[in-house]
Amino acid sequence: MTKGGKYAGNKELLIIPNAVHTDLYDRLDIIPFDKIESFFKTNLGV
């Protein structure tokens, strides 16, 4: 996943305003499930 590697282009920085890392474990109201699902479908073929 380094520059020039096979998977170098399949990354996306997702910033969730006013959230900290641990919020993404249990604050279902702020987790961007639609963005995550779209990323997985595009890059993992799920």
N, C-alpha and C. Protein backbone atom coordinates (compact mmCIF):
# COMPACT_ATOMS: atom_id res chain seq x y z
N MET A 1 0.82 -1.19 0.00
CA MET A 1 0.00 0.00 0.00
C MET A 1 0.86 1.25 0.00
N THR A 2 2.04 1.10 -0.53
CA THR A 2 2.93 2.24 -0.61
C THR A 2 2.83 2.89 -1.98
N LYS A 3 3.40 4.07 -2.10
CA LYS A 3 3.36 4.81 -3.36
C LYS A 3 3.91 3.95 -4.50
N GLY A 4 3.12 3.86 -5.55
CA GLY A 4 3.54 3.06 -6.70
C GLY A 4 3.18 1.59 -6.59
N GLY A 5 2.68 1.17 -5.44
CA GLY A 5 2.31 -0.23 -5.24
C GLY A 5 0.96 -0.55 -5.86
N LYS A 6 0.62 -1.81 -5.87
CA LYS A 6 -0.61 -2.31 -6.47
C LYS A 6 -1.86 -1.64 -5.89
N TYR A 7 -1.86 -1.35 -4.60
CA TYR A 7 -3.04 -0.79 -3.94
C TYR A 7 -2.87 0.67 -3.54
N ALA A 8 -1.99 1.37 -4.19
CA ALA A 8 -1.68 2.75 -3.82
C ALA A 8 -2.87 3.68 -4.01
N GLY A 9 -3.76 3.40 -4.92
CA GLY A 9 -4.85 4.32 -5.23
C GLY A 9 -6.16 4.05 -4.52
N ASN A 10 -6.26 2.96 -3.78
CA ASN A 10 -7.56 2.62 -3.21
C ASN A 10 -7.68 3.02 -1.73
N LYS A 11 -7.39 4.28 -1.48
CA LYS A 11 -7.49 4.80 -0.12
C LYS A 11 -8.35 6.06 -0.15
N GLU A 12 -9.00 6.34 0.96
CA GLU A 12 -9.78 7.55 1.05
C GLU A 12 -9.74 8.03 2.50
N LEU A 13 -9.37 9.27 2.69
CA LEU A 13 -9.37 9.86 4.02
C LEU A 13 -10.80 10.30 4.34
N LEU A 14 -11.31 9.81 5.44
CA LEU A 14 -12.67 10.13 5.85
C LEU A 14 -12.61 10.84 7.19
N ILE A 15 -12.93 12.11 7.20
CA ILE A 15 -12.90 12.91 8.42
C ILE A 15 -14.33 13.11 8.90
N ILE A 16 -14.58 12.76 10.14
CA ILE A 16 -15.90 12.90 10.73
C ILE A 16 -15.81 14.02 11.76
N PRO A 17 -16.42 15.16 11.45
CA PRO A 17 -16.32 16.33 12.32
C PRO A 17 -16.77 16.03 13.76
N ASN A 18 -16.02 16.54 14.70
CA ASN A 18 -16.34 16.43 16.13
C ASN A 18 -16.34 15.00 16.65
N ALA A 19 -15.67 14.08 15.98
CA ALA A 19 -15.60 12.70 16.44
C ALA A 19 -14.15 12.35 16.78
N VAL A 20 -14.00 11.48 17.75
CA VAL A 20 -12.69 10.93 18.08
C VAL A 20 -12.71 9.46 17.70
N HIS A 21 -11.55 8.85 17.71
CA HIS A 21 -11.42 7.46 17.25
C HIS A 21 -12.43 6.53 17.93
N THR A 22 -12.58 6.63 19.23
CA THR A 22 -13.45 5.69 19.94
C THR A 22 -14.93 5.92 19.66
N ASP A 23 -15.31 7.09 19.17
CA ASP A 23 -16.71 7.33 18.81
C ASP A 23 -17.15 6.38 17.71
N LEU A 24 -16.23 5.94 16.89
CA LEU A 24 -16.59 5.10 15.75
C LEU A 24 -16.85 3.66 16.15
N TYR A 25 -16.78 3.35 17.42
CA TYR A 25 -17.13 2.01 17.90
C TYR A 25 -18.60 1.91 18.28
N ASP A 26 -19.16 2.95 18.84
CA ASP A 26 -20.52 2.80 19.37
C ASP A 26 -21.47 3.96 19.10
N ARG A 27 -21.02 5.00 18.46
CA ARG A 27 -21.92 6.12 18.15
C ARG A 27 -22.47 5.93 16.74
N LEU A 28 -23.49 5.10 16.66
CA LEU A 28 -24.04 4.73 15.36
C LEU A 28 -24.58 5.93 14.59
N ASP A 29 -24.93 6.98 15.30
CA ASP A 29 -25.47 8.16 14.63
C ASP A 29 -24.42 8.95 13.84
N ILE A 30 -23.15 8.73 14.10
CA ILE A 30 -22.12 9.48 13.38
C ILE A 30 -21.29 8.61 12.43
N ILE A 31 -21.45 7.32 12.49
CA ILE A 31 -20.68 6.43 11.62
C ILE A 31 -21.24 6.53 10.20
N PRO A 32 -20.41 6.88 9.23
CA PRO A 32 -20.89 7.05 7.85
C PRO A 32 -20.97 5.71 7.10
N PHE A 33 -21.94 4.90 7.47
CA PHE A 33 -22.05 3.57 6.90
C PHE A 33 -22.16 3.59 5.38
N ASP A 34 -22.84 4.58 4.82
CA ASP A 34 -23.00 4.65 3.37
C ASP A 34 -21.66 4.84 2.66
N LYS A 35 -20.79 5.69 3.22
CA LYS A 35 -19.47 5.90 2.64
C LYS A 35 -18.60 4.64 2.76
N ILE A 36 -18.69 3.98 3.91
CA ILE A 36 -17.91 2.76 4.12
C ILE A 36 -18.36 1.66 3.17
N GLU A 37 -19.66 1.49 3.05
CA GLU A 37 -20.21 0.47 2.15
C GLU A 37 -19.80 0.73 0.70
N SER A 38 -19.89 1.98 0.29
CA SER A 38 -19.51 2.34 -1.08
C SER A 38 -18.03 2.04 -1.33
N PHE A 39 -17.17 2.38 -0.37
CA PHE A 39 -15.74 2.12 -0.51
C PHE A 39 -15.48 0.61 -0.63
N PHE A 40 -16.12 -0.20 0.21
CA PHE A 40 -15.92 -1.65 0.15
C PHE A 40 -16.40 -2.22 -1.18
N LYS A 41 -17.55 -1.76 -1.64
CA LYS A 41 -18.08 -2.26 -2.93
C LYS A 41 -17.15 -1.92 -4.08
N THR A 42 -16.61 -0.71 -4.05
CA THR A 42 -15.73 -0.26 -5.13
C THR A 42 -14.38 -0.97 -5.09
N ASN A 43 -13.81 -1.13 -3.90
CA ASN A 43 -12.44 -1.63 -3.81
C ASN A 43 -12.29 -3.09 -3.44
N LEU A 44 -13.33 -3.68 -2.89
CA LEU A 44 -13.23 -5.10 -2.51
C LEU A 44 -14.19 -5.99 -3.29
N GLY A 45 -15.03 -5.38 -4.09
CA GLY A 45 -15.99 -6.15 -4.86
C GLY A 45 -17.05 -6.82 -4.01
N VAL A 46 -17.32 -6.25 -2.85
CA VAL A 46 -18.31 -6.83 -1.92
C VAL A 46 -19.70 -6.45 -2.36
